[in-house]
PDB file of N, CA and C in Angstrom:
ATOM      1  N   UNK A   1      26.481  -0.218 -23.569  1.00  0.00           N
ATOM      2  CA  UNK A   1      26.852  -0.847 -22.290  1.00  0.00           C
ATOM      3  C   UNK A   1      26.284  -2.413 -22.173  1.00  0.00           C
ATOM      4  N   UNK A   2      27.174  -3.158 -21.748  1.00  0.00           N
ATOM      5  CA  UNK A   2      26.927  -4.471 -21.605  1.00  0.00           C
ATOM      6  C   UNK A   2      25.805  -4.935 -20.751  1.00  0.00           C
ATOM      7  N   UNK A   3      25.748  -4.287 -19.581  1.00  0.00           N
ATOM      8  CA  UNK A   3      24.891  -4.699 -18.461  1.00  0.00           C
ATOM      9  C   UNK A   3      23.549  -3.881 -18.624  1.00  0.00           C
ATOM     10  N   UNK A   4      23.245  -3.012 -19.593  1.00  0.00           N
ATOM     11  CA  UNK A   4      22.220  -2.244 -19.662  1.00  0.00           C
ATOM     12  C   UNK A   4      21.001  -2.913 -20.311  1.00  0.00           C
ATOM     13  N   UNK A   5      19.874  -3.131 -19.720  1.00  0.00           N
ATOM     14  CA  UNK A   5      18.624  -3.802 -20.163  1.00  0.00           C
ATOM     15  C   UNK A   5      18.294  -3.086 -21.488  1.00  0.00           C
ATOM     16  N   UNK A   6      18.100  -1.767 -21.604  1.00  0.00           N
ATOM     17  CA  UNK A   6      17.709  -1.148 -22.758  1.00  0.00           C
ATOM     18  C   UNK A   6      18.768  -1.086 -23.844  1.00  0.00           C
ATOM     19  N   UNK A   7      20.003  -1.086 -23.710  1.00  0.00           N
ATOM     20  CA  UNK A   7      20.915  -1.285 -24.595  1.00  0.00           C
ATOM     21  C   UNK A   7      20.864  -2.752 -25.227  1.00  0.00           C
ATOM     22  N   UNK A   8      20.672  -3.554 -24.397  1.00  0.00           N
ATOM     23  CA  UNK A   8      20.479  -5.075 -24.751  1.00  0.00           C
ATOM     24  C   UNK A   8      19.339  -5.218 -25.714  1.00  0.00           C
ATOM     25  N   UNK A   9      18.266  -4.426 -25.397  1.00  0.00           N
ATOM     26  CA  UNK A   9      16.951  -4.608 -26.164  1.00  0.00           C
ATOM     27  C   UNK A   9      17.233  -3.913 -27.465  1.00  0.00           C
ATOM     28  N   UNK A  10      18.028  -2.782 -27.536  1.00  0.00           N
ATOM     29  CA  UNK A  10      18.241  -1.882 -28.697  1.00  0.00           C
ATOM     30  C   UNK A  10      19.088  -2.754 -29.654  1.00  0.00           C
ATOM     31  N   UNK A  11      20.070  -3.510 -29.123  1.00  0.00           N
ATOM     32  CA  UNK A  11      20.785  -4.264 -30.045  1.00  0.00           C
ATOM     33  C   UNK A  11      20.450  -5.559 -30.530  1.00  0.00           C
ATOM     34  N   UNK A  12      19.227  -6.036 -29.809  1.00  0.00           N
ATOM     35  CA  UNK A  12      18.737  -7.232 -30.221  1.00  0.00           C
ATOM     36  C   UNK A  12      19.248  -8.315 -29.414  1.00  0.00           C
ATOM     37  N   UNK A  13      20.142  -8.093 -28.342  1.00  0.00           N
ATOM     38  CA  UNK A  13      20.499  -9.204 -27.411  1.00  0.00           C
ATOM     39  C   UNK A  13      19.403  -9.826 -26.788  1.00  0.00           C
ATOM     40  N   UNK A  14      18.464  -8.805 -26.158  1.00  0.00           N
ATOM     41  CA  UNK A  14      17.285  -9.273 -25.436  1.00  0.00           C
ATOM     42  C   UNK A  14      16.088  -8.699 -26.270  1.00  0.00           C
ATOM     43  N   UNK A  15      15.506  -9.607 -26.959  1.00  0.00           N
ATOM     44  CA  UNK A  15      14.363  -9.013 -27.892  1.00  0.00           C
ATOM     45  C   UNK A  15      13.219  -8.730 -26.756  1.00  0.00           C
ATOM     46  N   UNK A  16      12.649  -7.378 -27.027  1.00  0.00           N
ATOM     47  CA  UNK A  16      11.475  -7.076 -26.367  1.00  0.00           C
ATOM     48  C   UNK A  16      10.253  -7.961 -26.864  1.00  0.00           C
ATOM     49  N   UNK A  17       9.176  -8.114 -26.131  1.00  0.00           N
ATOM     50  CA  UNK A  17       8.067  -8.828 -26.355  1.00  0.00           C
ATOM     51  C   UNK A  17       7.326  -8.293 -27.701  1.00  0.00           C
ATOM     52  N   UNK A  18       7.161  -7.072 -27.803  1.00  0.00           N
ATOM     53  CA  UNK A  18       6.551  -6.509 -28.872  1.00  0.00           C
ATOM     54  C   UNK A  18       7.082  -4.976 -28.916  1.00  0.00           C
ATOM     55  N   UNK A  19       7.615  -4.581 -30.213  1.00  0.00           N
ATOM     56  CA  UNK A  19       7.931  -3.311 -30.413  1.00  0.00           C
ATOM     57  C   UNK A  19       6.552  -2.573 -31.006  1.00  0.00           C
ATOM     58  N   UNK A  20       6.034  -1.455 -30.296  1.00  0.00           N
ATOM     59  CA  UNK A  20       5.126  -0.625 -30.846  1.00  0.00           C
ATOM     60  C   UNK A  20       5.394   0.295 -31.877  1.00  0.00           C
ATOM     61  N   UNK A  21       6.470   0.898 -31.796  1.00  0.00           N
ATOM     62  CA  UNK A  21       6.958   1.958 -32.685  1.00  0.00           C
ATOM     63  C   UNK A  21       8.633   1.740 -32.568  1.00  0.00           C
ATOM     64  N   UNK A  22       9.139   1.977 -33.929  1.00  0.00           N
ATOM     65  CA  UNK A  22      10.548   2.014 -33.962  1.00  0.00           C
ATOM     66  C   UNK A  22      11.102   2.807 -35.009  1.00  0.00           C
ATOM     67  N   UNK A  23      12.189   3.514 -34.831  1.00  0.00           N
ATOM     68  CA  UNK A  23      12.992   4.221 -36.003  1.00  0.00           C
ATOM     69  C   UNK A  23      14.329   4.097 -35.786  1.00  0.00           C
ATOM     70  N   UNK A  24      15.234   4.661 -36.470  1.00  0.00           N
ATOM     71  CA  UNK A  24      16.702   4.400 -36.294  1.00  0.00           C
ATOM     72  C   UNK A  24      17.111   5.066 -35.086  1.00  0.00           C
ATOM     73  N   UNK A  25      16.573   5.853 -34.350  1.00  0.00           N
ATOM     74  CA  UNK A  25      17.010   6.460 -33.091  1.00  0.00           C
ATOM     75  C   UNK A  25      16.188   5.988 -31.813  1.00  0.00           C
ATOM     76  N   UNK A  26      15.025   5.520 -31.918  1.00  0.00           N
ATOM     77  CA  UNK A  26      14.321   5.077 -30.595  1.00  0.00           C
ATOM     78  C   UNK A  26      13.309   3.979 -30.931  1.00  0.00           C
ATOM     79  N   UNK A  27      12.829   3.326 -29.887  1.00  0.00           N
ATOM     80  CA  UNK A  27      11.877   2.296 -30.068  1.00  0.00           C
ATOM     81  C   UNK A  27      10.975   2.386 -28.778  1.00  0.00           C
ATOM     82  N   UNK A  28       9.788   1.890 -28.824  1.00  0.00           N
ATOM     83  CA  UNK A  28       8.679   2.087 -27.949  1.00  0.00           C
ATOM     84  C   UNK A  28       8.178   0.687 -27.598  1.00  0.00           C
ATOM     85  N   UNK A  29       8.064   0.289 -26.347  1.00  0.00           N
ATOM     86  CA  UNK A  29       7.508  -0.953 -25.879  1.00  0.00           C
ATOM     87  C   UNK A  29       6.434  -0.698 -24.754  1.00  0.00           C
ATOM     88  N   UNK A  30       5.483  -1.578 -24.482  1.00  0.00           N
ATOM     89  CA  UNK A  30       4.634  -1.594 -23.502  1.00  0.00           C
ATOM     90  C   UNK A  30       5.432  -1.907 -22.217  1.00  0.00           C
ATOM     91  N   UNK A  31       5.119  -1.132 -21.075  1.00  0.00           N
ATOM     92  CA  UNK A  31       5.786  -1.358 -19.783  1.00  0.00           C
ATOM     93  C   UNK A  31       5.385  -2.607 -19.318  1.00  0.00           C
ATOM     94  N   UNK A  32       6.304  -3.249 -18.568  1.00  0.00           N
ATOM     95  CA  UNK A  32       5.702  -4.613 -18.055  1.00  0.00           C
ATOM     96  C   UNK A  32       5.061  -4.646 -16.740  1.00  0.00           C
ATOM     97  N   UNK A  33       5.097  -3.519 -16.073  1.00  0.00           N
ATOM     98  CA  UNK A  33       4.529  -3.145 -14.782  1.00  0.00           C
ATOM     99  C   UNK A  33       3.761  -1.820 -15.005  1.00  0.00           C
ATOM    100  N   UNK A  34       2.602  -1.960 -15.860  1.00  0.00           N
ATOM    101  CA  UNK A  34       1.938  -0.709 -16.156  1.00  0.00           C
ATOM    102  C   UNK A  34       1.205   0.045 -14.958  1.00  0.00           C
ATOM    103  N   UNK A  35       1.213   1.335 -14.921  1.00  0.00           N
ATOM    104  CA  UNK A  35       0.723   2.141 -13.802  1.00  0.00           C
ATOM    105  C   UNK A  35      -0.717   2.769 -14.218  1.00  0.00           C
ATOM    106  N   UNK A  36      -1.122   2.357 -15.461  1.00  0.00           N
ATOM    107  CA  UNK A  36      -2.382   2.952 -16.015  1.00  0.00           C
ATOM    108  C   UNK A  36      -2.638   1.820 -17.195  1.00  0.00           C
ATOM    109  N   UNK A  37      -3.786   2.027 -17.797  1.00  0.00           N
ATOM    110  CA  UNK A  37      -4.392   1.021 -18.756  1.00  0.00           C
ATOM    111  C   UNK A  37      -3.418   1.201 -19.937  1.00  0.00           C
ATOM    112  N   UNK A  38      -2.764   2.480 -20.249  1.00  0.00           N
ATOM    113  CA  UNK A  38      -1.820   2.576 -21.281  1.00  0.00           C
ATOM    114  C   UNK A  38      -0.541   2.971 -20.599  1.00  0.00           C
ATOM    115  N   UNK A  39       0.453   2.213 -20.754  1.00  0.00           N
ATOM    116  CA  UNK A  39       1.890   2.675 -20.193  1.00  0.00           C
ATOM    117  C   UNK A  39       2.911   2.159 -21.190  1.00  0.00           C
ATOM    118  N   UNK A  40       3.407   3.064 -21.974  1.00  0.00           N
ATOM    119  CA  UNK A  40       4.545   2.687 -22.821  1.00  0.00           C
ATOM    120  C   UNK A  40       5.893   3.339 -22.507  1.00  0.00           C
ATOM    121  N   UNK A  41       6.958   2.654 -22.730  1.00  0.00           N
ATOM    122  CA  UNK A  41       8.266   3.186 -22.569  1.00  0.00           C
ATOM    123  C   UNK A  41       8.756   3.632 -23.961  1.00  0.00           C
ATOM    124  N   UNK A  42       9.133   4.811 -24.157  1.00  0.00           N
ATOM    125  CA  UNK A  42       9.882   5.439 -25.377  1.00  0.00           C
ATOM    126  C   UNK A  42      11.442   5.336 -24.986  1.00  0.00           C
ATOM    127  N   UNK A  43      12.348   4.688 -25.632  1.00  0.00           N
ATOM    128  CA  UNK A  43      13.729   4.586 -25.281  1.00  0.00           C
ATOM    129  C   UNK A  43      14.730   4.946 -26.532  1.00  0.00           C
ATOM    130  N   UNK A  44      15.677   5.717 -26.292  1.00  0.00           N
ATOM    131  CA  UNK A  44      16.470   6.071 -27.293  1.00  0.00           C
ATOM    132  C   UNK A  44      17.387   4.674 -27.487  1.00  0.00           C
ATOM    133  N   UNK A  45      17.852   4.479 -28.724  1.00  0.00           N
ATOM    134  CA  UNK A  45      18.714   3.282 -28.852  1.00  0.00           C
ATOM    135  C   UNK A  45      20.164   3.684 -28.321  1.00  0.00           C
ATOM    136  N   UNK A  46      20.613   4.805 -28.478  1.00  0.00           N
ATOM    137  CA  UNK A  46      22.040   5.039 -27.796  1.00  0.00           C
ATOM    138  C   UNK A  46      21.828   5.357 -26.502  1.00  0.00           C
ATOM    139  N   UNK A  47      22.707   4.982 -25.741  1.00  0.00           N
ATOM    140  CA  UNK A  47      22.903   4.983 -24.185  1.00  0.00           C
ATOM    141  C   UNK A  47      23.132   6.389 -23.786  1.00  0.00           C
ATOM    142  N   UNK A  48      22.026   6.793 -23.019  1.00  0.00           N
ATOM    143  CA  UNK A  48      22.163   8.152 -22.151  1.00  0.00           C
ATOM    144  C   UNK A  48      21.662   7.676 -20.865  1.00  0.00           C
ATOM    145  N   UNK A  49      22.424   8.077 -19.705  1.00  0.00           N
ATOM    146  CA  UNK A  49      22.031   7.826 -18.236  1.00  0.00           C
ATOM    147  C   UNK A  49      20.717   8.363 -18.008  1.00  0.00           C
ATOM    148  N   UNK A  50      20.425   9.667 -18.320  1.00  0.00           N
ATOM    149  CA  UNK A  50      19.204  10.323 -18.123  1.00  0.00           C
ATOM    150  C   UNK A  50      19.109  11.467 -18.798  1.00  0.00           C
ATOM    151  N   UNK A  51      18.159  12.360 -18.624  1.00  0.00           N
ATOM    152  CA  UNK A  51      17.707  13.689 -19.487  1.00  0.00           C
ATOM    153  C   UNK A  51      18.847  14.762 -19.270  1.00  0.00           C
ATOM    154  N   UNK A  52      19.649  14.596 -18.191  1.00  0.00           N
ATOM    155  CA  UNK A  52      20.607  15.594 -18.018  1.00  0.00           C
ATOM    156  C   UNK A  52      21.964  15.471 -19.013  1.00  0.00           C
ATOM    157  N   UNK A  53      22.015  14.180 -19.733  1.00  0.00           N
ATOM    158  CA  UNK A  53      23.098  14.118 -20.680  1.00  0.00           C
ATOM    159  C   UNK A  53      22.880  15.135 -21.720  1.00  0.00           C
ATOM    160  N   UNK A  54      23.819  15.139 -22.494  1.00  0.00           N
ATOM    161  CA  UNK A  54      23.843  15.996 -23.807  1.00  0.00           C
ATOM    162  C   UNK A  54      23.237  15.162 -24.945  1.00  0.00           C
ATOM    163  N   UNK A  55      22.011  15.195 -25.242  1.00  0.00           N
ATOM    164  CA  UNK A  55      21.401  14.534 -26.244  1.00  0.00           C
ATOM    165  C   UNK A  55      21.609  15.231 -27.625  1.00  0.00           C
ATOM    166  N   UNK A  56      22.030  14.521 -28.657  1.00  0.00           N
ATOM    167  CA  UNK A  56      22.069  15.280 -29.982  1.00  0.00           C
ATOM    168  C   UNK A  56      20.707  15.746 -30.443  1.00  0.00           C
ATOM    169  N   UNK A  57      20.526  16.604 -31.378  1.00  0.00           N
ATOM    170  CA  UNK A  57      19.358  17.165 -31.906  1.00  0.00           C
ATOM    171  C   UNK A  57      18.544  16.111 -32.433  1.00  0.00           C
ATOM    172  N   UNK A  58      19.198  15.288 -33.229  1.00  0.00           N
ATOM    173  CA  UNK A  58      18.341  14.190 -33.904  1.00  0.00           C
ATOM    174  C   UNK A  58      17.787  13.109 -33.007  1.00  0.00           C
ATOM    175  N   UNK A  59      18.283  12.843 -31.892  1.00  0.00           N
ATOM    176  CA  UNK A  59      17.809  12.005 -30.833  1.00  0.00           C
ATOM    177  C   UNK A  59      16.512  12.743 -30.197  1.00  0.00           C
ATOM    178  N   UNK A  60      16.677  14.062 -29.972  1.00  0.00           N
ATOM    179  CA  UNK A  60      15.451  14.784 -29.305  1.00  0.00           C
ATOM    180  C   UNK A  60      14.414  14.790 -30.254  1.00  0.00           C
ATOM    181  N   UNK A  61      14.692  15.050 -31.458  1.00  0.00           N
ATOM    182  CA  UNK A  61      13.598  15.078 -32.465  1.00  0.00           C
ATOM    183  C   UNK A  61      12.905  13.727 -32.493  1.00  0.00           C
ATOM    184  N   UNK A  62      13.651  12.572 -32.621  1.00  0.00           N
ATOM    185  CA  UNK A  62      13.161  11.206 -32.644  1.00  0.00           C
ATOM    186  C   UNK A  62      12.215  11.035 -31.346  1.00  0.00           C
ATOM    187  N   UNK A  63      12.788  11.438 -30.111  1.00  0.00           N
ATOM    188  CA  UNK A  63      11.907  11.356 -28.946  1.00  0.00           C
ATOM    189  C   UNK A  63      10.594  12.007 -29.158  1.00  0.00           C
ATOM    190  N   UNK A  64      10.621  13.135 -29.674  1.00  0.00           N
ATOM    191  CA  UNK A  64       9.373  13.922 -29.992  1.00  0.00           C
ATOM    192  C   UNK A  64       8.429  13.222 -30.903  1.00  0.00           C
ATOM    193  N   UNK A  65       9.074  12.871 -31.976  1.00  0.00           N
ATOM    194  CA  UNK A  65       8.310  12.206 -32.971  1.00  0.00           C
ATOM    195  C   UNK A  65       7.759  10.810 -32.444  1.00  0.00           C
ATOM    196  N   UNK A  66       8.543  10.182 -31.771  1.00  0.00           N
ATOM    197  CA  UNK A  66       8.132   8.954 -30.954  1.00  0.00           C
ATOM    198  C   UNK A  66       7.034   9.138 -30.161  1.00  0.00           C
ATOM    199  N   UNK A  67       6.918  10.080 -29.270  1.00  0.00           N
ATOM    200  CA  UNK A  67       5.780  10.344 -28.595  1.00  0.00           C
ATOM    201  C   UNK A  67       4.563  10.574 -29.251  1.00  0.00           C
ATOM    202  N   UNK A  68       4.722  11.533 -30.327  1.00  0.00           N
ATOM    203  CA  UNK A  68       3.544  11.577 -31.210  1.00  0.00           C
ATOM    204  C   UNK A  68       2.932  10.410 -31.821  1.00  0.00           C
ATOM    205  N   UNK A  69       3.846   9.500 -32.273  1.00  0.00           N
ATOM    206  CA  UNK A  69       3.474   8.212 -32.849  1.00  0.00           C
ATOM    207  C   UNK A  69       2.782   7.314 -31.873  1.00  0.00           C
ATOM    208  N   UNK A  70       3.409   7.199 -30.727  1.00  0.00           N
ATOM    209  CA  UNK A  70       2.901   6.200 -29.565  1.00  0.00           C
ATOM    210  C   UNK A  70       1.351   6.694 -29.200  1.00  0.00           C
ATOM    211  N   UNK A  71       1.260   8.079 -29.036  1.00  0.00           N
ATOM    212  CA  UNK A  71       0.001   8.657 -28.868  1.00  0.00           C
ATOM    213  C   UNK A  71      -1.050   8.439 -29.928  1.00  0.00           C
ATOM    214  N   UNK A  72      -0.677   8.436 -31.096  1.00  0.00           N
ATOM    215  CA  UNK A  72      -1.473   8.008 -31.985  1.00  0.00           C
ATOM    216  C   UNK A  72      -1.945   6.464 -32.075  1.00  0.00           C
ATOM    217  N   UNK A  73      -0.932   5.641 -31.954  1.00  0.00           N
ATOM    218  CA  UNK A  73      -0.984   4.280 -32.038  1.00  0.00           C
ATOM    219  C   UNK A  73      -2.024   3.893 -30.760  1.00  0.00           C
ATOM    220  N   UNK A  74      -1.738   4.378 -29.760  1.00  0.00           N
ATOM    221  CA  UNK A  74      -2.530   3.998 -28.558  1.00  0.00           C
ATOM    222  C   UNK A  74      -3.835   4.909 -28.304  1.00  0.00           C
ATOM    223  N   UNK A  75      -4.240   5.741 -29.289  1.00  0.00           N
ATOM    224  CA  UNK A  75      -5.462   6.506 -29.206  1.00  0.00           C
ATOM    225  C   UNK A  75      -5.522   7.516 -28.031  1.00  0.00           C
ATOM    226  N   UNK A  76      -4.507   8.023 -27.700  1.00  0.00           N
ATOM    227  CA  UNK A  76      -4.512   8.957 -26.505  1.00  0.00           C
ATOM    228  C   UNK A  76      -4.809  10.385 -26.846  1.00  0.00           C
ATOM    229  N   UNK A  77      -4.932  10.924 -28.147  1.00  0.00           N
ATOM    230  CA  UNK A  77      -5.079  12.162 -28.616  1.00  0.00           C
ATOM    231  C   UNK A  77      -6.280  12.717 -27.731  1.00  0.00           C
ATOM    232  N   UNK A  78      -7.470  12.174 -27.787  1.00  0.00           N
ATOM    233  CA  UNK A  78      -8.541  12.923 -27.196  1.00  0.00           C
ATOM    234  C   UNK A  78      -8.527  12.970 -25.617  1.00  0.00           C
ATOM    235  N   UNK A  79      -8.208  11.876 -24.978  1.00  0.00           N
ATOM    236  CA  UNK A  79      -8.273  11.805 -23.564  1.00  0.00           C
ATOM    237  C   UNK A  79      -7.251  12.412 -22.792  1.00  0.00           C
ATOM    238  N   UNK A  80      -6.212  12.445 -23.443  1.00  0.00           N
ATOM    239  CA  UNK A  80      -4.907  13.100 -22.732  1.00  0.00           C
ATOM    240  C   UNK A  80      -4.005  12.058 -22.242  1.00  0.00           C
ATOM    241  N   UNK A  81      -2.809  12.501 -22.013  1.00  0.00           N
ATOM    242  CA  UNK A  81      -1.841  11.499 -21.462  1.00  0.00           C
ATOM    243  C   UNK A  81      -0.825  12.413 -20.647  1.00  0.00           C
ATOM    244  N   UNK A  82       0.216  11.540 -20.001  1.00  0.00           N
ATOM    245  CA  UNK A  82       1.322  12.168 -19.339  1.00  0.00           C
ATOM    246  C   UNK A  82       2.606  11.757 -19.859  1.00  0.00           C
ATOM    247  N   UNK A  83       3.688  12.484 -19.921  1.00  0.00           N
ATOM    248  CA  UNK A  83       5.054  12.076 -20.368  1.00  0.00           C
ATOM    249  C   UNK A  83       5.935  12.206 -19.294  1.00  0.00           C
ATOM    250  N   UNK A  84       6.581  11.155 -18.764  1.00  0.00           N
ATOM    251  CA  UNK A  84       7.526  11.324 -17.670  1.00  0.00           C
ATOM    252  C   UNK A  84       8.819  10.657 -17.765  1.00  0.00           C
ATOM    253  N   UNK A  85       9.877  11.310 -17.388  1.00  0.00           N
ATOM    254  CA  UNK A  85      11.139  10.657 -17.280  1.00  0.00           C
ATOM    255  C   UNK A  85      11.713  10.788 -15.836  1.00  0.00           C
ATOM    256  N   UNK A  86      12.121   9.744 -15.284  1.00  0.00           N
ATOM    257  CA  UNK A  86      12.566   9.761 -14.029  1.00  0.00           C
ATOM    258  C   UNK A  86      14.210   9.805 -13.936  1.00  0.00           C
ATOM    259  N   UNK A  87      14.735  10.655 -13.031  1.00  0.00           N
ATOM    260  CA  UNK A  87      16.250  10.972 -13.179  1.00  0.00           C
ATOM    261  C   UNK A  87      16.653  10.858 -11.650  1.00  0.00           C
ATOM    262  N   UNK A  88      17.518   9.767 -11.379  1.00  0.00           N
ATOM    263  CA  UNK A  88      17.957   9.405 -10.272  1.00  0.00           C
ATOM    264  C   UNK A  88      17.052   8.473  -9.491  1.00  0.00           C
ATOM    265  N   UNK A  89      17.792   7.933  -8.356  1.00  0.00           N
ATOM    266  CA  UNK A  89      17.044   7.022  -7.398  1.00  0.00           C
ATOM    267  C   UNK A  89      15.935   7.735  -6.536  1.00  0.00           C
ATOM    268  N   UNK A  90      15.983   8.893  -6.268  1.00  0.00           N
ATOM    269  CA  UNK A  90      14.916   9.575  -5.501  1.00  0.00           C
ATOM    270  C   UNK A  90      13.754   9.616  -6.453  1.00  0.00           C
ATOM    271  N   UNK A  91      13.900   9.870  -7.643  1.00  0.00           N
ATOM    272  CA  UNK A  91      12.783  10.025  -8.511  1.00  0.00           C
ATOM    273  C   UNK A  91      12.306   8.635  -8.997  1.00  0.00           C
ATOM    274  N   UNK A  92      12.874   7.613  -8.669  1.00  0.00           N
ATOM    275  CA  UNK A  92      12.396   6.260  -8.893  1.00  0.00           C
ATOM    276  C   UNK A  92      13.016   5.754 -10.234  1.00  0.00           C
ATOM    277  N   UNK A  93      13.952   6.147 -10.655  1.00  0.00           N
ATOM    278  CA  UNK A  93      14.682   5.642 -12.015  1.00  0.00           C
ATOM    279  C   UNK A  93      15.378   4.395 -11.561  1.00  0.00           C
ATOM    280  N   UNK A  94      14.948   3.330 -12.206  1.00  0.00           N
ATOM    281  CA  UNK A  94      15.407   1.881 -11.704  1.00  0.00           C
ATOM    282  C   UNK A  94      16.388   1.366 -13.017  1.00  0.00           C
ATOM    283  N   UNK A  95      16.201   1.880 -14.253  1.00  0.00           N
ATOM    284  CA  UNK A  95      17.025   1.411 -15.228  1.00  0.00           C
ATOM    285  C   UNK A  95      17.716   2.745 -15.642  1.00  0.00           C
ATOM    286  N   UNK A  96      19.167   2.675 -15.525  1.00  0.00           N
ATOM    287  CA  UNK A  96      19.897   3.853 -15.740  1.00  0.00           C
ATOM    288  C   UNK A  96      20.146   4.088 -17.423  1.00  0.00           C
ATOM    289  N   UNK A  97      19.095   4.057 -18.039  1.00  0.00           N
ATOM    290  CA  UNK A  97      19.175   4.437 -19.486  1.00  0.00           C
ATOM    291  C   UNK A  97      17.959   5.384 -19.727  1.00  0.00           C
ATOM    292  N   UNK A  98      18.233   6.608 -20.180  1.00  0.00           N
ATOM    293  CA  UNK A  98      17.155   7.480 -20.514  1.00  0.00           C
ATOM    294  C   UNK A  98      15.929   6.817 -21.172  1.00  0.00           C
ATOM    295  N   UNK A  99      14.743   6.979 -20.639  1.00  0.00           N
ATOM    296  CA  UNK A  99      13.520   6.382 -21.236  1.00  0.00           C
ATOM    297  C   UNK A  99      12.370   7.465 -20.706  1.00  0.00           C
ATOM    298  N   UNK A 100      11.277   7.496 -21.575  1.00  0.00           N
ATOM    299  CA  UNK A 100      10.102   8.266 -21.175  1.00  0.00           C
ATOM    300  C   UNK A 100       9.008   7.259 -21.150  1.00  0.00           C
ATOM    301  N   UNK A 101       8.246   7.544 -20.007  1.00  0.00           N
ATOM    302  CA  UNK A 101       6.820   6.932 -19.618  1.00  0.00           C
ATOM    303  C   UNK A 101       5.704   7.642 -20.491  1.00  0.00           C
ATOM    304  N   UNK A 102       5.017   7.045 -21.258  1.00  0.00           N
ATOM    305  CA  UNK A 102       3.815   7.665 -21.752  1.00  0.00           C
ATOM    306  C   UNK A 102       2.563   6.992 -21.205  1.00  0.00           C
ATOM    307  N   UNK A 103       1.835   7.636 -20.464  1.00  0.00           N
ATOM    308  CA  UNK A 103       0.759   7.007 -19.558  1.00  0.00           C
ATOM    309  C   UNK A 103      -0.514   7.850 -19.903  1.00  0.00           C
ATOM    310  N   UNK A 104      -1.604   6.820 -19.961  1.00  0.00           N
ATOM    311  CA  UNK A 104      -2.985   7.473 -20.182  1.00  0.00           C
ATOM    312  C   UNK A 104      -3.920   6.244 -20.359  1.00  0.00           C
ATOM    313  N   UNK A 105      -4.904   6.604 -21.076  1.00  0.00           N
ATOM    314  CA  UNK A 105      -6.032   5.660 -21.212  1.00  0.00           C
ATOM    315  C   UNK A 105      -7.051   5.666 -20.307  1.00  0.00           C
ATOM    316  N   UNK A 106      -6.854   6.702 -19.218  1.00  0.00           N
ATOM    317  CA  UNK A 106      -7.856   6.619 -18.225  1.00  0.00           C
ATOM    318  C   UNK A 106      -7.639   7.805 -17.380  1.00  0.00           C
ATOM    319  N   UNK A 107      -8.549   8.304 -16.658  1.00  0.00           N
ATOM    320  CA  UNK A 107      -8.255   9.497 -15.690  1.00  0.00           C
ATOM    321  C   UNK A 107      -7.104   9.356 -14.878  1.00  0.00           C
ATOM    322  N   UNK A 108      -6.069  10.168 -14.839  1.00  0.00           N
ATOM    323  CA  UNK A 108      -5.032   9.990 -14.028  1.00  0.00           C
ATOM    324  C   UNK A 108      -4.938  10.872 -12.640  1.00  0.00           C
ATOM    325  N   UNK A 109      -4.422  10.319 -11.685  1.00  0.00           N
ATOM    326  CA  UNK A 109      -4.218  10.921 -10.444  1.00  0.00           C
ATOM    327  C   UNK A 109      -3.672  12.581 -10.518  1.00  0.00           C
ATOM    328  N   UNK A 110      -4.195  13.467  -9.899  1.00  0.00           N
ATOM    329  CA  UNK A 110      -3.855  14.692  -9.817  1.00  0.00           C
ATOM    330  C   UNK A 110      -2.472  14.940  -8.975  1.00  0.00           C
ATOM    331  N   UNK A 111      -2.239  13.893  -8.150  1.00  0.00           N
ATOM    332  CA  UNK A 111      -1.226  14.013  -7.256  1.00  0.00           C
ATOM    333  C   UNK A 111       0.237  13.989  -7.950  1.00  0.00           C
ATOM    334  N   UNK A 112       0.299  13.509  -9.119  1.00  0.00           N
ATOM    335  CA  UNK A 112       1.518  13.507  -9.974  1.00  0.00           C
ATOM    336  C   UNK A 112       1.269  14.767 -10.792  1.00  0.00           C
ATOM    337  N   UNK A 113       2.482  15.511 -10.949  1.00  0.00           N
ATOM    338  CA  UNK A 113       2.387  16.736 -11.708  1.00  0.00           C
ATOM    339  C   UNK A 113       1.374  16.741 -12.738  1.00  0.00           C
TER     340      UNK A 113
END
């Protein structure tokens, strides 16, 4: 999609500042507006509007593998972390391209799931 920020990042049209992790299906970058000391976005390279789209098994596997890699890179194994995906405007989805927030590095509020 031409006007999709994450599609443009995946294609190299808009290079992200730094890629923390990447494989053939996904890439991970630090969030530009972090909500905790560690806040990473894990993004599939193919466009899906949200988690309700039909994702192929290899993309789901890559997302799972990516979460594990980011957690290791950021040292979140011991303290814990949260994985969030927003779906729709009421949930706060501002970029209509599926992505996961991996948040941690400090005690997180119990108010969010």
